[in-house]
PDB file of N, CA and C in Angstrom:
ATOM      1  N   UNK A   1     110.996  86.564  94.452  1.00  0.00           N
ATOM      2  CA  UNK A   1     110.867  86.052  93.112  1.00  0.00           C
ATOM      3  C   UNK A   1     110.090  84.745  93.171  1.00  0.00           C
ATOM      4  N   UNK A   2     109.273  84.525  92.184  1.00  0.00           N
ATOM      5  CA  UNK A   2     108.456  83.325  92.111  1.00  0.00           C
ATOM      6  C   UNK A   2     109.234  82.258  91.357  1.00  0.00           C
ATOM      7  N   UNK A   3     109.412  81.092  91.991  1.00  0.00           N
ATOM      8  CA  UNK A   3     110.150  80.012  91.352  1.00  0.00           C
ATOM      9  C   UNK A   3     109.174  78.967  90.845  1.00  0.00           C
ATOM     10  N   UNK A   4     109.039  78.893  89.557  1.00  0.00           N
ATOM     11  CA  UNK A   4     108.171  77.915  88.905  1.00  0.00           C
ATOM     12  C   UNK A   4     108.990  77.190  87.850  1.00  0.00           C
ATOM     13  N   UNK A   5     108.514  76.042  87.452  1.00  0.00           N
ATOM     14  CA  UNK A   5     109.166  75.370  86.338  1.00  0.00           C
ATOM     15  C   UNK A   5     108.997  76.252  85.109  1.00  0.00           C
ATOM     16  N   UNK A   6     110.003  76.242  84.249  1.00  0.00           N
ATOM     17  CA  UNK A   6     109.993  77.113  83.083  1.00  0.00           C
ATOM     18  C   UNK A   6     108.704  76.997  82.278  1.00  0.00           C
ATOM     19  N   UNK A   7     108.203  75.772  82.076  1.00  0.00           N
ATOM     20  CA  UNK A   7     106.984  75.550  81.304  1.00  0.00           C
ATOM     21  C   UNK A   7     105.793  76.262  81.942  1.00  0.00           C
ATOM     22  N   UNK A   8     105.768  76.308  83.278  1.00  0.00           N
ATOM     23  CA  UNK A   8     104.663  76.948  83.986  1.00  0.00           C
ATOM     24  C   UNK A   8     104.802  78.469  83.996  1.00  0.00           C
ATOM     25  N   UNK A   9     106.018  78.976  83.850  1.00  0.00           N
ATOM     26  CA  UNK A   9     106.236  80.417  83.876  1.00  0.00           C
ATOM     27  C   UNK A   9     105.761  81.100  82.603  1.00  0.00           C
ATOM     28  N   UNK A  10     105.862  80.430  81.500  1.00  0.00           N
ATOM     29  CA  UNK A  10     105.616  81.058  80.216  1.00  0.00           C
ATOM     30  C   UNK A  10     104.241  81.713  80.088  1.00  0.00           C
ATOM     31  N   UNK A  11     103.141  81.040  80.450  1.00  0.00           N
ATOM     32  CA  UNK A  11     101.844  81.713  80.314  1.00  0.00           C
ATOM     33  C   UNK A  11     101.729  82.960  81.198  1.00  0.00           C
ATOM     34  N   UNK A  12     102.260  82.901  82.401  1.00  0.00           N
ATOM     35  CA  UNK A  12     102.163  84.047  83.307  1.00  0.00           C
ATOM     36  C   UNK A  12     103.044  85.192  82.814  1.00  0.00           C
ATOM     37  N   UNK A  13     104.226  84.883  82.332  1.00  0.00           N
ATOM     38  CA  UNK A  13     105.105  85.928  81.777  1.00  0.00           C
ATOM     39  C   UNK A  13     104.437  86.595  80.573  1.00  0.00           C
ATOM     40  N   UNK A  14     103.788  85.790  79.743  1.00  0.00           N
ATOM     41  CA  UNK A  14     103.123  86.325  78.552  1.00  0.00           C
ATOM     42  C   UNK A  14     101.963  87.240  78.946  1.00  0.00           C
ATOM     43  N   UNK A  15     101.205  86.841  79.961  1.00  0.00           N
ATOM     44  CA  UNK A  15     100.107  87.688  80.431  1.00  0.00           C
ATOM     45  C   UNK A  15     100.655  89.006  80.957  1.00  0.00           C
ATOM     46  N   UNK A  16     101.711  88.937  81.775  1.00  0.00           N
ATOM     47  CA  UNK A  16     102.329  90.160  82.298  1.00  0.00           C
ATOM     48  C   UNK A  16     102.806  91.040  81.152  1.00  0.00           C
ATOM     49  N   UNK A  17     103.484  90.451  80.194  1.00  0.00           N
ATOM     50  CA  UNK A  17     103.977  91.188  79.036  1.00  0.00           C
ATOM     51  C   UNK A  17     102.837  91.871  78.278  1.00  0.00           C
ATOM     52  N   UNK A  18     101.785  91.110  77.993  1.00  0.00           N
ATOM     53  CA  UNK A  18     100.643  91.678  77.260  1.00  0.00           C
ATOM     54  C   UNK A  18      99.995  92.820  78.029  1.00  0.00           C
ATOM     55  N   UNK A  19      99.863  92.648  79.341  1.00  0.00           N
ATOM     56  CA  UNK A  19      99.233  93.698  80.142  1.00  0.00           C
ATOM     57  C   UNK A  19     100.096  94.950  80.222  1.00  0.00           C
ATOM     58  N   UNK A  20     101.401  94.790  80.341  1.00  0.00           N
ATOM     59  CA  UNK A  20     102.277  95.970  80.350  1.00  0.00           C
ATOM     60  C   UNK A  20     102.136  96.734  79.034  1.00  0.00           C
ATOM     61  N   UNK A  21     102.127  96.012  77.937  1.00  0.00           N
ATOM     62  CA  UNK A  21     101.979  96.654  76.624  1.00  0.00           C
ATOM     63  C   UNK A  21     100.611  97.323  76.500  1.00  0.00           C
ATOM     64  N   UNK A  22      99.576  96.649  76.991  1.00  0.00           N
ATOM     65  CA  UNK A  22      98.216  97.205  76.921  1.00  0.00           C
ATOM     66  C   UNK A  22      98.123  98.502  77.719  1.00  0.00           C
ATOM     67  N   UNK A  23      98.619  98.482  78.956  1.00  0.00           N
ATOM     68  CA  UNK A  23      98.541  99.696  79.780  1.00  0.00           C
ATOM     69  C   UNK A  23      99.443 100.801  79.248  1.00  0.00           C
ATOM     70  N   UNK A  24     100.591 100.436  78.686  1.00  0.00           N
ATOM     71  CA  UNK A  24     101.442 101.468  78.073  1.00  0.00           C
ATOM     72  C   UNK A  24     100.693 102.152  76.941  1.00  0.00           C
ATOM     73  N   UNK A  25      99.971 101.366  76.145  1.00  0.00           N
ATOM     74  CA  UNK A  25      99.206 101.932  75.032  1.00  0.00           C
ATOM     75  C   UNK A  25      98.095 102.848  75.544  1.00  0.00           C
ATOM     76  N   UNK A  26      97.427 102.443  76.608  1.00  0.00           N
ATOM     77  CA  UNK A  26      96.354 103.264  77.176  1.00  0.00           C
ATOM     78  C   UNK A  26      96.884 104.631  77.606  1.00  0.00           C
ATOM     79  N   UNK A  27      98.056 104.631  78.249  1.00  0.00           N
ATOM     80  CA  UNK A  27      98.642 105.883  78.737  1.00  0.00           C
ATOM     81  C   UNK A  27      99.542 106.571  77.714  1.00  0.00           C
ATOM     82  N   UNK A  28      99.665 105.959  76.538  1.00  0.00           N
ATOM     83  CA  UNK A  28     100.539 106.485  75.479  1.00  0.00           C
ATOM     84  C   UNK A  28     101.976 106.627  75.979  1.00  0.00           C
ATOM     85  N   UNK A  29     102.440 105.599  76.725  1.00  0.00           N
ATOM     86  CA  UNK A  29     103.816 105.577  77.227  1.00  0.00           C
ATOM     87  C   UNK A  29     104.684 104.739  76.298  1.00  0.00           C
ATOM     88  N   UNK A  30     105.846 105.241  75.997  1.00  0.00           N
ATOM     89  CA  UNK A  30     106.853 104.414  75.344  1.00  0.00           C
ATOM     90  C   UNK A  30     107.483 103.530  76.418  1.00  0.00           C
ATOM     91  N   UNK A  31     108.288 102.580  76.004  1.00  0.00           N
ATOM     92  CA  UNK A  31     109.007 101.784  77.004  1.00  0.00           C
ATOM     93  C   UNK A  31     109.903 102.680  77.848  1.00  0.00           C
ATOM     94  N   UNK A  32     110.525 103.650  77.213  1.00  0.00           N
ATOM     95  CA  UNK A  32     111.420 104.553  77.945  1.00  0.00           C
ATOM     96  C   UNK A  32     110.654 105.344  79.005  1.00  0.00           C
ATOM     97  N   UNK A  33     109.477 105.823  78.665  1.00  0.00           N
ATOM     98  CA  UNK A  33     108.671 106.609  79.596  1.00  0.00           C
ATOM     99  C   UNK A  33     108.208 105.758  80.780  1.00  0.00           C
ATOM    100  N   UNK A  34     107.708 104.537  80.507  1.00  0.00           N
ATOM    101  CA  UNK A  34     107.266 103.675  81.598  1.00  0.00           C
ATOM    102  C   UNK A  34     108.453 103.277  82.473  1.00  0.00           C
ATOM    103  N   UNK A  35     109.567 102.947  81.862  1.00  0.00           N
ATOM    104  CA  UNK A  35     110.752 102.573  82.628  1.00  0.00           C
ATOM    105  C   UNK A  35     111.155 103.708  83.567  1.00  0.00           C
ATOM    106  N   UNK A  36     111.157 104.918  83.062  1.00  0.00           N
ATOM    107  CA  UNK A  36     111.507 106.090  83.880  1.00  0.00           C
ATOM    108  C   UNK A  36     110.529 106.246  85.047  1.00  0.00           C
ATOM    109  N   UNK A  37     109.235 106.177  84.765  1.00  0.00           N
ATOM    110  CA  UNK A  37     108.223 106.350  85.810  1.00  0.00           C
ATOM    111  C   UNK A  37     108.275 105.241  86.859  1.00  0.00           C
ATOM    112  N   UNK A  38     108.692 104.027  86.438  1.00  0.00           N
ATOM    113  CA  UNK A  38     108.749 102.881  87.350  1.00  0.00           C
ATOM    114  C   UNK A  38     110.113 102.744  88.033  1.00  0.00           C
ATOM    115  N   UNK A  39     111.061 103.601  87.650  1.00  0.00           N
ATOM    116  CA  UNK A  39     112.392 103.530  88.245  1.00  0.00           C
ATOM    117  C   UNK A  39     113.219 102.352  87.747  1.00  0.00           C
ATOM    118  N   UNK A  40     113.018 101.994  86.489  1.00  0.00           N
ATOM    119  CA  UNK A  40     113.728 100.868  85.880  1.00  0.00           C
ATOM    120  C   UNK A  40     114.564 101.345  84.710  1.00  0.00           C
ATOM    121  N   UNK A  41     115.493 100.511  84.297  1.00  0.00           N
ATOM    122  CA  UNK A  41     116.184 100.796  83.046  1.00  0.00           C
ATOM    123  C   UNK A  41     115.268 100.357  81.908  1.00  0.00           C
ATOM    124  N   UNK A  42     115.464 100.954  80.763  1.00  0.00           N
ATOM    125  CA  UNK A  42     114.646 100.569  79.616  1.00  0.00           C
ATOM    126  C   UNK A  42     114.936  99.112  79.230  1.00  0.00           C
ATOM    127  N   UNK A  43     116.181  98.679  79.390  1.00  0.00           N
ATOM    128  CA  UNK A  43     116.533  97.294  79.066  1.00  0.00           C
ATOM    129  C   UNK A  43     115.802  96.308  79.969  1.00  0.00           C
ATOM    130  N   UNK A  44     115.664  96.643  81.252  1.00  0.00           N
ATOM    131  CA  UNK A  44     114.933  95.772  82.177  1.00  0.00           C
ATOM    132  C   UNK A  44     113.482  95.645  81.740  1.00  0.00           C
ATOM    133  N   UNK A  45     112.853  96.774  81.432  1.00  0.00           N
ATOM    134  CA  UNK A  45     111.457  96.732  80.973  1.00  0.00           C
ATOM    135  C   UNK A  45     111.347  95.946  79.672  1.00  0.00           C
ATOM    136  N   UNK A  46     112.283  96.157  78.771  1.00  0.00           N
ATOM    137  CA  UNK A  46     112.281  95.427  77.507  1.00  0.00           C
ATOM    138  C   UNK A  46     112.396  93.923  77.745  1.00  0.00           C
ATOM    139  N   UNK A  47     113.229  93.528  78.689  1.00  0.00           N
ATOM    140  CA  UNK A  47     113.386  92.104  79.011  1.00  0.00           C
ATOM    141  C   UNK A  47     112.120  91.525  79.649  1.00  0.00           C
ATOM    142  N   UNK A  48     111.455  92.297  80.492  1.00  0.00           N
ATOM    143  CA  UNK A  48     110.213  91.828  81.104  1.00  0.00           C
ATOM    144  C   UNK A  48     109.129  91.678  80.042  1.00  0.00           C
ATOM    145  N   UNK A  49     108.989  92.688  79.196  1.00  0.00           N
ATOM    146  CA  UNK A  49     107.978  92.616  78.133  1.00  0.00           C
ATOM    147  C   UNK A  49     108.312  91.528  77.113  1.00  0.00           C
ATOM    148  N   UNK A  50     109.584  91.211  76.970  1.00  0.00           N
ATOM    149  CA  UNK A  50     109.997  90.162  76.039  1.00  0.00           C
ATOM    150  C   UNK A  50     110.000  88.772  76.675  1.00  0.00           C
ATOM    151  N   UNK A  51     109.503  88.690  77.900  1.00  0.00           N
ATOM    152  CA  UNK A  51     109.404  87.409  78.638  1.00  0.00           C
ATOM    153  C   UNK A  51     110.772  86.784  78.898  1.00  0.00           C
ATOM    154  N   UNK A  52     111.821  87.602  78.983  1.00  0.00           N
ATOM    155  CA  UNK A  52     113.162  87.104  79.241  1.00  0.00           C
ATOM    156  C   UNK A  52     113.581  87.306  80.692  1.00  0.00           C
ATOM    157  N   UNK A  53     112.804  88.088  81.433  1.00  0.00           N
ATOM    158  CA  UNK A  53     113.145  88.373  82.823  1.00  0.00           C
ATOM    159  C   UNK A  53     111.871  88.391  83.645  1.00  0.00           C
ATOM    160  N   UNK A  54     111.965  87.852  84.860  1.00  0.00           N
ATOM    161  CA  UNK A  54     110.851  87.887  85.790  1.00  0.00           C
ATOM    162  C   UNK A  54     110.973  89.138  86.638  1.00  0.00           C
ATOM    163  N   UNK A  55     109.904  89.515  87.301  1.00  0.00           N
ATOM    164  CA  UNK A  55     109.895  90.741  88.101  1.00  0.00           C
ATOM    165  C   UNK A  55     110.076  90.436  89.581  1.00  0.00           C
ATOM    166  N   UNK A  56     110.782  91.326  90.265  1.00  0.00           N
ATOM    167  CA  UNK A  56     110.844  91.254  91.724  1.00  0.00           C
ATOM    168  C   UNK A  56     109.604  91.946  92.264  1.00  0.00           C
ATOM    169  N   UNK A  57     109.347  91.803  93.535  1.00  0.00           N
ATOM    170  CA  UNK A  57     108.178  92.470  94.119  1.00  0.00           C
ATOM    171  C   UNK A  57     108.324  93.985  94.026  1.00  0.00           C
ATOM    172  N   UNK A  58     109.534  94.491  94.186  1.00  0.00           N
ATOM    173  CA  UNK A  58     109.776  95.942  94.092  1.00  0.00           C
ATOM    174  C   UNK A  58     109.512  96.438  92.666  1.00  0.00           C
ATOM    175  N   UNK A  59     109.985  95.688  91.691  1.00  0.00           N
ATOM    176  CA  UNK A  59     109.759  96.053  90.285  1.00  0.00           C
ATOM    177  C   UNK A  59     108.276  96.009  89.952  1.00  0.00           C
ATOM    178  N   UNK A  60     107.607  94.961  90.406  1.00  0.00           N
ATOM    179  CA  UNK A  60     106.173  94.824  90.165  1.00  0.00           C
ATOM    180  C   UNK A  60     105.413  96.004  90.766  1.00  0.00           C
ATOM    181  N   UNK A  61     105.759  96.375  91.988  1.00  0.00           N
ATOM    182  CA  UNK A  61     105.099  97.518  92.637  1.00  0.00           C
ATOM    183  C   UNK A  61     105.353  98.810  91.877  1.00  0.00           C
ATOM    184  N   UNK A  62     106.585  98.995  91.420  1.00  0.00           N
ATOM    185  CA  UNK A  62     106.918 100.199  90.655  1.00  0.00           C
ATOM    186  C   UNK A  62     106.149 100.287  89.351  1.00  0.00           C
ATOM    187  N   UNK A  63     106.036  99.171  88.666  1.00  0.00           N
ATOM    188  CA  UNK A  63     105.278  99.147  87.408  1.00  0.00           C
ATOM    189  C   UNK A  63     103.800  99.425  87.650  1.00  0.00           C
ATOM    190  N   UNK A  64     103.252  98.770  88.656  1.00  0.00           N
ATOM    191  CA  UNK A  64     101.831  98.974  88.960  1.00  0.00           C
ATOM    192  C   UNK A  64     101.551 100.425  89.326  1.00  0.00           C
ATOM    193  N   UNK A  65     102.407 101.002  90.142  1.00  0.00           N
ATOM    194  CA  UNK A  65     102.228 102.404  90.545  1.00  0.00           C
ATOM    195  C   UNK A  65     102.322 103.335  89.337  1.00  0.00           C
ATOM    196  N   UNK A  66     103.303 103.089  88.477  1.00  0.00           N
ATOM    197  CA  UNK A  66     103.486 103.931  87.288  1.00  0.00           C
ATOM    198  C   UNK A  66     102.292 103.845  86.344  1.00  0.00           C
ATOM    199  N   UNK A  67     101.604 102.700  86.360  1.00  0.00           N
ATOM    200  CA  UNK A  67     100.453 102.498  85.473  1.00  0.00           C
ATOM    201  C   UNK A  67      99.117 102.718  86.173  1.00  0.00           C
ATOM    202  N   UNK A  68      99.163 103.105  87.446  1.00  0.00           N
ATOM    203  CA  UNK A  68      97.948 103.381  88.236  1.00  0.00           C
ATOM    204  C   UNK A  68      97.011 102.179  88.310  1.00  0.00           C
ATOM    205  N   UNK A  69      97.602 100.999  88.513  1.00  0.00           N
ATOM    206  CA  UNK A  69      96.821  99.777  88.686  1.00  0.00           C
ATOM    207  C   UNK A  69      97.348  99.025  89.904  1.00  0.00           C
ATOM    208  N   UNK A  70      96.597  98.044  90.363  1.00  0.00           N
ATOM    209  CA  UNK A  70      97.063  97.163  91.425  1.00  0.00           C
ATOM    210  C   UNK A  70      97.946  96.085  90.807  1.00  0.00           C
ATOM    211  N   UNK A  71      98.862  95.569  91.602  1.00  0.00           N
ATOM    212  CA  UNK A  71      99.793  94.550  91.106  1.00  0.00           C
ATOM    213  C   UNK A  71      99.057  93.369  90.476  1.00  0.00           C
ATOM    214  N   UNK A  72      98.007  92.900  91.136  1.00  0.00           N
ATOM    215  CA  UNK A  72      97.314  91.714  90.628  1.00  0.00           C
ATOM    216  C   UNK A  72      96.730  91.948  89.238  1.00  0.00           C
ATOM    217  N   UNK A  73      96.389  93.196  88.915  1.00  0.00           N
ATOM    218  CA  UNK A  73      95.791  93.483  87.610  1.00  0.00           C
ATOM    219  C   UNK A  73      96.763  93.210  86.467  1.00  0.00           C
ATOM    220  N   UNK A  74      98.045  93.248  86.767  1.00  0.00           N
ATOM    221  CA  UNK A  74      99.038  92.973  85.732  1.00  0.00           C
ATOM    222  C   UNK A  74      99.111  91.485  85.379  1.00  0.00           C
ATOM    223  N   UNK A  75      98.420  90.644  86.169  1.00  0.00           N
ATOM    224  CA  UNK A  75      98.427  89.209  85.920  1.00  0.00           C
ATOM    225  C   UNK A  75      97.068  88.665  85.483  1.00  0.00           C
ATOM    226  N   UNK A  76      96.110  89.554  85.252  1.00  0.00           N
ATOM    227  CA  UNK A  76      94.791  89.099  84.804  1.00  0.00           C
ATOM    228  C   UNK A  76      94.827  88.828  83.307  1.00  0.00           C
ATOM    229  N   UNK A  77      94.456  87.619  82.904  1.00  0.00           N
ATOM    230  CA  UNK A  77      94.455  87.319  81.472  1.00  0.00           C
ATOM    231  C   UNK A  77      93.357  88.100  80.761  1.00  0.00           C
ATOM    232  N   UNK A  78      93.630  88.472  79.542  1.00  0.00           N
ATOM    233  CA  UNK A  78      92.653  89.174  78.728  1.00  0.00           C
ATOM    234  C   UNK A  78      91.785  88.127  78.046  1.00  0.00           C
ATOM    235  N   UNK A  79      90.546  88.032  78.468  1.00  0.00           N
ATOM    236  CA  UNK A  79      89.655  87.011  77.916  1.00  0.00           C
ATOM    237  C   UNK A  79      89.355  87.227  76.444  1.00  0.00           C
ATOM    238  N   UNK A  80      89.635  88.410  75.932  1.00  0.00           N
ATOM    239  CA  UNK A  80      89.405  88.680  74.507  1.00  0.00           C
ATOM    240  C   UNK A  80      90.536  88.142  73.652  1.00  0.00           C
ATOM    241  N   UNK A  81      91.664  87.833  74.284  1.00  0.00           N
ATOM    242  CA  UNK A  81      92.835  87.335  73.568  1.00  0.00           C
ATOM    243  C   UNK A  81      92.657  85.847  73.300  1.00  0.00           C
ATOM    244  N   UNK A  82      92.445  85.488  72.072  1.00  0.00           N
ATOM    245  CA  UNK A  82      92.174  84.093  71.738  1.00  0.00           C
ATOM    246  C   UNK A  82      93.393  83.201  71.949  1.00  0.00           C
ATOM    247  N   UNK A  83      94.586  83.779  72.007  1.00  0.00           N
ATOM    248  CA  UNK A  83      95.787  82.978  72.210  1.00  0.00           C
ATOM    249  C   UNK A  83      96.010  82.624  73.672  1.00  0.00           C
ATOM    250  N   UNK A  84      95.341  83.284  74.578  1.00  0.00           N
ATOM    251  CA  UNK A  84      95.586  83.083  76.004  1.00  0.00           C
ATOM    252  C   UNK A  84      94.270  83.029  76.751  1.00  0.00           C
ATOM    253  N   UNK A  85      93.800  81.859  77.035  1.00  0.00           N
ATOM    254  CA  UNK A  85      92.548  81.695  77.766  1.00  0.00           C
ATOM    255  C   UNK A  85      92.857  81.291  79.191  1.00  0.00           C
ATOM    256  N   UNK A  86      91.998  81.691  80.113  1.00  0.00           N
ATOM    257  CA  UNK A  86      92.209  81.405  81.520  1.00  0.00           C
ATOM    258  C   UNK A  86      92.416  79.922  81.770  1.00  0.00           C
ATOM    259  N   UNK A  87      91.631  79.076  81.122  1.00  0.00           N
ATOM    260  CA  UNK A  87      91.738  77.648  81.395  1.00  0.00           C
ATOM    261  C   UNK A  87      93.025  77.032  80.872  1.00  0.00           C
ATOM    262  N   UNK A  88      93.818  77.754  80.098  1.00  0.00           N
ATOM    263  CA  UNK A  88      95.098  77.250  79.624  1.00  0.00           C
ATOM    264  C   UNK A  88      96.197  77.457  80.652  1.00  0.00           C
ATOM    265  N   UNK A  89      95.970  78.324  81.617  1.00  0.00           N
ATOM    266  CA  UNK A  89      96.983  78.591  82.626  1.00  0.00           C
ATOM    267  C   UNK A  89      97.075  77.429  83.600  1.00  0.00           C
ATOM    268  N   UNK A  90      98.281  77.030  83.918  1.00  0.00           N
ATOM    269  CA  UNK A  90      98.399  75.977  84.920  1.00  0.00           C
ATOM    270  C   UNK A  90      97.877  76.483  86.262  1.00  0.00           C
ATOM    271  N   UNK A  91      96.911  75.776  86.804  1.00  0.00           N
ATOM    272  CA  UNK A  91      96.310  76.173  88.070  1.00  0.00           C
ATOM    273  C   UNK A  91      97.354  76.255  89.172  1.00  0.00           C
ATOM    274  N   UNK A  92      98.295  75.348  89.156  1.00  0.00           N
ATOM    275  CA  UNK A  92      99.350  75.349  90.163  1.00  0.00           C
ATOM    276  C   UNK A  92     100.155  76.653  90.104  1.00  0.00           C
ATOM    277  N   UNK A  93     100.434  77.145  88.909  1.00  0.00           N
ATOM    278  CA  UNK A  93     101.185  78.387  88.751  1.00  0.00           C
ATOM    279  C   UNK A  93     100.429  79.561  89.349  1.00  0.00           C
ATOM    280  N   UNK A  94      99.140  79.617  89.092  1.00  0.00           N
ATOM    281  CA  UNK A  94      98.337  80.715  89.627  1.00  0.00           C
ATOM    282  C   UNK A  94      98.268  80.653  91.147  1.00  0.00           C
ATOM    283  N   UNK A  95      98.157  79.460  91.697  1.00  0.00           N
ATOM    284  CA  UNK A  95      98.117  79.306  93.156  1.00  0.00           C
ATOM    285  C   UNK A  95      99.441  79.749  93.774  1.00  0.00           C
ATOM    286  N   UNK A  96     100.551  79.363  93.148  1.00  0.00           N
ATOM    287  CA  UNK A  96     101.861  79.791  93.647  1.00  0.00           C
ATOM    288  C   UNK A  96     102.046  81.302  93.520  1.00  0.00           C
ATOM    289  N   UNK A  97     101.573  81.853  92.434  1.00  0.00           N
ATOM    290  CA  UNK A  97     101.661  83.299  92.240  1.00  0.00           C
ATOM    291  C   UNK A  97     100.874  84.029  93.315  1.00  0.00           C
ATOM    292  N   UNK A  98      99.668  83.567  93.587  1.00  0.00           N
ATOM    293  CA  UNK A  98      98.836  84.185  94.621  1.00  0.00           C
ATOM    294  C   UNK A  98      99.535  84.127  95.974  1.00  0.00           C
ATOM    295  N   UNK A  99     100.085  82.988  96.295  1.00  0.00           N
ATOM    296  CA  UNK A  99     100.772  82.814  97.580  1.00  0.00           C
ATOM    297  C   UNK A  99     101.979  83.749  97.683  1.00  0.00           C
ATOM    298  N   UNK A 100     102.751  83.852  96.610  1.00  0.00           N
ATOM    299  CA  UNK A 100     103.936  84.704  96.608  1.00  0.00           C
ATOM    300  C   UNK A 100     103.565  86.180  96.731  1.00  0.00           C
ATOM    301  N   UNK A 101     102.547  86.603  96.014  1.00  0.00           N
ATOM    302  CA  UNK A 101     102.109  87.998  96.082  1.00  0.00           C
ATOM    303  C   UNK A 101     101.605  88.321  97.481  1.00  0.00           C
ATOM    304  N   UNK A 102     100.848  87.404  98.078  1.00  0.00           N
ATOM    305  CA  UNK A 102     100.340  87.619  99.435  1.00  0.00           C
ATOM    306  C   UNK A 102     101.493  87.767 100.425  1.00  0.00           C
ATOM    307  N   UNK A 103     102.497  86.889 100.329  1.00  0.00           N
ATOM    308  CA  UNK A 103     103.663  86.977 101.218  1.00  0.00           C
ATOM    309  C   UNK A 103     104.370  88.318 101.052  1.00  0.00           C
ATOM    310  N   UNK A 104     104.534  88.742  99.818  1.00  0.00           N
ATOM    311  CA  UNK A 104     105.229  89.996  99.534  1.00  0.00           C
ATOM    312  C   UNK A 104     104.468  91.178 100.108  1.00  0.00           C
ATOM    313  N   UNK A 105     103.174  91.193  99.909  1.00  0.00           N
ATOM    314  CA  UNK A 105     102.351  92.289 100.424  1.00  0.00           C
ATOM    315  C   UNK A 105     102.369  92.291 101.946  1.00  0.00           C
ATOM    316  N   UNK A 106     102.242  91.111 102.563  1.00  0.00           N
ATOM    317  CA  UNK A 106     102.296  91.020 104.025  1.00  0.00           C
ATOM    318  C   UNK A 106     103.631  91.546 104.548  1.00  0.00           C
ATOM    319  N   UNK A 107     104.729  91.180 103.890  1.00  0.00           N
ATOM    320  CA  UNK A 107     106.054  91.635 104.314  1.00  0.00           C
ATOM    321  C   UNK A 107     106.178  93.152 104.173  1.00  0.00           C
ATOM    322  N   UNK A 108     105.622  93.711 103.099  1.00  0.00           N
ATOM    323  CA  UNK A 108     105.680  95.161 102.896  1.00  0.00           C
ATOM    324  C   UNK A 108     104.881  95.890 103.971  1.00  0.00           C
ATOM    325  N   UNK A 109     103.724  95.354 104.348  1.00  0.00           N
ATOM    326  CA  UNK A 109     102.932  95.952 105.421  1.00  0.00           C
ATOM    327  C   UNK A 109     103.699  95.903 106.739  1.00  0.00           C
ATOM    328  N   UNK A 110     104.279  94.750 107.058  1.00  0.00           N
ATOM    329  CA  UNK A 110     105.032  94.600 108.297  1.00  0.00           C
ATOM    330  C   UNK A 110     106.194  95.587 108.355  1.00  0.00           C
ATOM    331  N   UNK A 111     106.914  95.720 107.248  1.00  0.00           N
ATOM    332  CA  UNK A 111     108.044  96.648 107.186  1.00  0.00           C
ATOM    333  C   UNK A 111     107.571  98.089 107.378  1.00  0.00           C
ATOM    334  N   UNK A 112     106.471  98.438 106.747  1.00  0.00           N
ATOM    335  CA  UNK A 112     105.944  99.803 106.880  1.00  0.00           C
ATOM    336  C   UNK A 112     105.521 100.081 108.318  1.00  0.00           C
ATOM    337  N   UNK A 113     104.917  99.101 108.957  1.00  0.00           N
ATOM    338  CA  UNK A 113     104.489  99.265 110.343  1.00  0.00           C
ATOM    339  C   UNK A 113     105.692  99.414 111.265  1.00  0.00           C
ATOM    340  N   UNK A 114     106.715  98.580 111.045  1.00  0.00           N
ATOM    341  CA  UNK A 114     107.918  98.633 111.882  1.00  0.00           C
ATOM    342  C   UNK A 114     108.703  99.922 111.698  1.00  0.00           C
ATOM    343  N   UNK A 115     108.820 100.397 110.470  1.00  0.00           N
ATOM    344  CA  UNK A 115     109.648 101.575 110.195  1.00  0.00           C
ATOM    345  C   UNK A 115     108.851 102.877 110.243  1.00  0.00           C
ATOM    346  N   UNK A 116     107.542 102.780 110.132  1.00  0.00           N
ATOM    347  CA  UNK A 116     106.721 103.987 110.067  1.00  0.00           C
ATOM    348  C   UNK A 116     106.773 104.662 108.709  1.00  0.00           C
ATOM    349  N   UNK A 117     107.375 103.995 107.730  1.00  0.00           N
ATOM    350  CA  UNK A 117     107.521 104.539 106.371  1.00  0.00           C
ATOM    351  C   UNK A 117     106.360 104.042 105.518  1.00  0.00           C
ATOM    352  N   UNK A 118     105.369 104.910 105.282  1.00  0.00           N
ATOM    353  CA  UNK A 118     104.163 104.533 104.529  1.00  0.00           C
ATOM    354  C   UNK A 118     104.124 105.151 103.154  1.00  0.00           C
ATOM    355  N   UNK A 119     105.268 105.308 102.523  1.00  0.00           N
ATOM    356  CA  UNK A 119     105.342 105.901 101.184  1.00  0.00           C
ATOM    357  C   UNK A 119     104.697 104.995 100.184  1.00  0.00           C
TER     358      UNK A 119
END
């Protein structure tokens, strides 16, 4: 889990929320359908989209897989959204997010190599 000050979390949570909604619309998924495909409860997905809950690396991977995107794509700001511009994001938050995602991916690779489980 990424630990940021609450003020710094809000823009990133909003971007994640907007992207989940955008990709759900592209695939014509309801919250229930995406939750099922990602192995989550509908309440968990609702809380993530409502910016009330942060995602674990496992949840993030499940969502990305269900939406056929890479994890990082769920954090890309939509430049067309006038309410959320890249330069409004705290640079420190993005740097911490990048570091956390890299650690998580490295750990997943190491685990897969050690266990031989490449699912």
